[in-house]
Protein backbone atom coordinates (compact mmCIF):
# COMPACT_ATOMS: atom_id res chain seq x y z
CA MET A 1 37.83 27.66 82.61
CA ASN A 2 33.85 28.57 83.50
CA LEU A 3 33.86 31.61 82.47
CA ASN A 4 30.45 33.00 84.15
CA GLY A 5 28.57 34.46 80.66
CA TYR A 6 31.46 36.56 79.64
CA GLU A 7 33.11 36.74 76.27
CA ILE A 8 36.43 37.31 76.44
CA ILE A 9 37.75 40.01 73.90
CA LEU A 10 41.85 39.75 72.96
CA ALA A 11 42.93 42.66 71.85
CA SER A 12 46.64 41.73 70.38
CA SER A 13 48.26 40.08 67.32
CA SER A 14 50.16 38.17 68.62
CA PRO A 15 50.47 34.21 68.42
CA ARG A 16 52.08 33.95 71.03
CA ARG A 17 50.04 35.24 73.21
CA LEU A 18 46.73 33.06 70.86
CA GLU A 19 49.00 29.76 71.82
CA TYR A 20 49.09 31.32 75.67
CA PHE A 21 44.51 31.76 75.57
CA LYS A 22 44.45 28.71 73.47
CA LYS A 23 46.72 26.44 75.90
CA MET A 24 44.87 28.18 79.43
CA ASN A 25 41.76 26.40 77.46
CA ILE A 26 40.10 30.35 78.04
CA SER A 27 37.13 30.41 74.97
CA PHE A 28 37.66 33.44 73.38
CA THR A 29 37.73 35.73 70.18
CA VAL A 30 40.34 38.08 68.52
CA LYS A 31 39.76 41.64 67.73
CA LYS A 32 43.16 42.90 66.04
CA ILE A 33 43.83 46.60 65.95
CA LYS A 34 46.71 48.56 64.57
CA TYR A 35 48.06 51.12 66.77
CA GLU A 36 50.78 52.94 66.34
CA GLU A 37 53.43 52.45 69.42
CA ASN A 38 53.88 56.24 70.44
CA PHE A 39 53.62 57.14 73.80
CA ASP A 40 55.00 60.34 75.75
CA LYS A 41 58.86 59.85 76.24
CA LYS A 42 59.06 61.46 79.84
CA LEU A 43 57.33 57.89 80.55
CA LYS A 44 59.89 55.12 82.26
CA GLY A 45 59.70 51.27 83.09
CA HIS A 46 56.61 49.71 83.86
CA LEU A 47 54.92 52.60 82.72
CA ILE A 48 55.50 52.78 79.13
CA PRO A 49 53.62 49.30 78.35
CA ARG A 50 51.65 50.30 80.65
CA TYR A 51 50.51 53.57 78.75
CA ILE A 52 49.72 51.73 75.60
CA ALA A 53 47.94 48.69 76.82
CA LYS A 54 45.77 51.37 77.85
CA LYS A 55 46.38 53.31 74.41
CA LYS A 56 44.90 49.39 72.61
CA SER A 57 41.78 49.78 74.89
CA GLU A 58 40.35 53.24 73.96
CA PRO A 59 39.28 52.36 70.92
CA PHE A 60 36.90 49.36 71.86
CA ILE A 61 35.74 51.69 74.89
CA LYS A 62 32.76 52.99 73.74
CA LYS A 63 32.06 49.59 71.41
CA ILE A 64 31.85 47.65 74.30
CA LYS A 65 29.07 45.43 75.30
CA LYS A 66 28.37 43.62 78.98
CA LYS A 67 29.61 40.81 79.47
CA GLN A 68 32.23 41.13 77.60
CA LEU A 69 35.86 41.30 79.09
CA LEU A 70 38.57 43.09 76.26
CA ILE A 71 41.59 42.16 77.24
CA THR A 72 44.66 44.68 75.81
CA ALA A 73 48.86 43.46 76.47
CA ASP A 74 51.92 44.78 75.45
CA THR A 75 55.94 44.07 76.43
CA ILE A 76 58.83 46.50 75.82
CA VAL A 77 62.20 46.19 77.39
CA TRP A 78 64.18 47.62 79.64
CA HIS A 79 67.75 48.47 79.09
CA GLN A 80 69.90 50.68 81.31
CA LYS A 81 67.05 53.03 81.68
CA LYS A 82 66.41 53.04 78.09
CA TYR A 83 63.23 51.58 76.12
CA LEU A 84 63.81 48.52 73.45
CA GLY A 85 61.28 48.72 71.79
CA LYS A 86 60.54 45.81 68.65
CA PRO A 87 63.44 46.78 65.99
CA LYS A 88 62.27 48.45 62.87
CA ASN A 89 64.53 46.93 60.39
CA LYS A 90 67.72 44.41 60.58
CA LYS A 91 70.09 47.01 61.39
CA GLU A 92 68.28 47.74 64.66
CA ALA A 93 67.67 44.28 65.58
CA ILE A 94 71.64 43.71 65.30
CA SER A 95 72.64 45.84 67.13
CA MET A 96 69.65 45.70 69.73
CA LEU A 97 71.00 42.01 70.64
CA LYS A 98 74.34 43.52 70.64
CA LYS A 99 73.60 46.09 73.49
CA LEU A 100 72.26 43.32 75.33
CA SER A 101 74.88 40.68 75.01
CA ASN A 102 76.55 40.20 78.03
CA SER A 103 73.95 42.14 80.03
CA GLU A 104 70.87 42.17 82.44
CA HIS A 105 68.37 44.00 81.08
CA LYS A 106 64.20 43.71 81.85
CA VAL A 107 60.88 42.50 80.31
CA ILE A 108 58.09 44.08 81.34
CA THR A 109 54.79 42.92 80.24
CA ALA A 110 51.30 45.47 81.09
CA VAL A 111 47.79 43.84 80.36
CA GLY A 112 44.99 45.59 80.60
CA PHE A 113 41.11 43.94 81.36
CA LEU A 114 38.85 46.17 80.20
CA THR A 115 34.37 45.63 81.42
CA ILE A 116 31.61 48.34 80.10
CA ASN A 117 32.23 50.17 83.83
CA HIS A 118 35.60 48.88 85.08
CA TRP A 119 39.76 49.34 83.22
CA GLU A 120 42.59 48.16 85.74
CA CYS A 121 45.97 46.78 84.41
CA ILE A 122 48.46 44.60 86.14
CA HIS A 123 52.64 44.35 84.83
CA GLU A 124 54.99 41.64 85.09
CA ILE A 125 58.44 42.27 84.87
CA THR A 126 60.82 39.60 84.36
CA LYS A 127 65.24 39.95 84.80
CA VAL A 128 66.81 38.30 81.99
CA LYS A 129 70.22 38.34 81.62
CA PHE A 130 71.86 36.87 78.31
CA GLY A 131 75.31 36.15 77.80
CA LYS A 132 78.00 36.80 75.63
CA ILE A 133 77.11 36.44 71.99
CA SER A 134 78.97 36.43 68.98
CA ASN A 135 79.02 38.38 66.02
CA ASN A 136 78.45 35.65 62.95
CA GLU A 137 75.18 34.19 65.94
CA ILE A 138 73.43 38.04 66.06
CA ILE A 139 73.42 38.14 62.40
CA LYS A 140 72.51 34.64 61.49
CA TYR A 141 69.25 34.92 63.40
CA THR A 142 68.45 39.20 62.30
CA GLU A 143 68.69 36.44 58.95
CA LYS A 144 67.23 33.48 58.96
CA ASP A 145 64.25 34.46 61.53
CA ASN A 146 61.56 37.16 62.28
CA PRO A 147 63.00 38.89 65.00
CA PHE A 148 60.83 42.28 63.94
CA ASP A 149 57.85 42.08 66.11
CA LYS A 150 58.92 40.48 69.36
CA ALA A 151 60.34 43.27 71.62
CA GLY A 152 64.39 43.70 72.80
CA GLY A 153 64.37 41.77 68.88
CA TYR A 154 65.27 38.64 70.11
CA GLY A 155 62.55 35.20 71.53
CA ILE A 156 63.39 33.51 74.13
CA GLN A 157 61.54 30.33 72.69
CA ASP A 158 63.94 30.68 69.46
CA TRP A 159 67.11 29.12 68.56
CA PHE A 160 68.67 32.10 69.33
CA GLY A 161 67.20 32.77 73.08
CA LEU A 162 68.07 29.54 73.60
CA ILE A 163 72.29 30.27 72.95
CA ALA A 164 71.31 33.50 74.71
CA VAL A 165 69.60 32.61 78.02
CA GLU A 166 72.07 32.66 80.84
CA ASN A 167 69.39 33.07 83.69
CA ILE A 168 66.30 34.61 83.94
CA LYS A 169 64.51 35.64 87.96
CA GLY A 170 61.09 35.18 87.14
CA SER A 171 58.26 34.22 85.00
CA TYR A 172 58.92 33.01 81.65
CA THR A 173 55.43 33.24 80.35
CA ASN A 174 56.34 36.86 80.81
CA VAL A 175 59.48 37.75 78.36
CA VAL A 176 57.92 35.47 75.98
CA GLY A 177 54.20 38.33 76.44
CA LEU A 178 52.39 37.58 78.68
CA PRO A 179 52.58 36.96 82.52
CA VAL A 180 49.98 33.47 82.09
CA TYR A 181 49.88 32.87 86.24
CA LYS A 182 48.46 36.62 86.66
CA VAL A 183 46.25 36.95 83.69
CA PHE A 184 44.73 33.35 84.56
CA HIS A 185 44.30 35.19 88.40
CA LYS A 186 43.26 37.75 86.98
CA ILE A 187 40.65 37.22 84.77
CA LYS A 188 38.98 34.60 87.11
CA GLU A 189 38.86 37.61 89.55
CA ILE A 190 37.00 39.78 87.04
CA ILE A 191 34.36 37.76 85.63
CA PHE A 192 33.37 36.47 89.01
CA LYS A 193 33.34 40.26 90.69
CA TYR A 194 31.38 42.61 88.20
């Protein structure tokens, strides 16, 4: 992609987001930040990842230079009007996956874009329907794989996602952690506008 002289900075340590940026053929650098994903419990649904994506950008506000575009992102699972983030341990991962079994949830990713004089945020919502999953499959997944860095305690791209997900409505890449189509076109819009 022609970046129009812009330097793209991805403030994310997610290997899945990094992979998508490589696949989009976008040159970028990574600046990892540590952020405790705290938010006001009054926030609901898409407002949660939008808030976190903005918070992740705040350490860079005074550092960002002209012709730099900083991108932050956050993904959550929203199930029965409740927030599911990344499980802290095996017990929490098992509990989350049991809740998701045989029901529908929403995966919501918010992506923030910061330039020297502009901030904006987009989000994508994908509906994911899990079939009935056995306790053995859930336990095996939490023991053998690493669901602890994934919202809702699972990765749709893992073997578990293949056997658990009955259907999805919306963007698949959003469930992995980045709504690629929207992000690609938003980057183009920003770098040729500002």
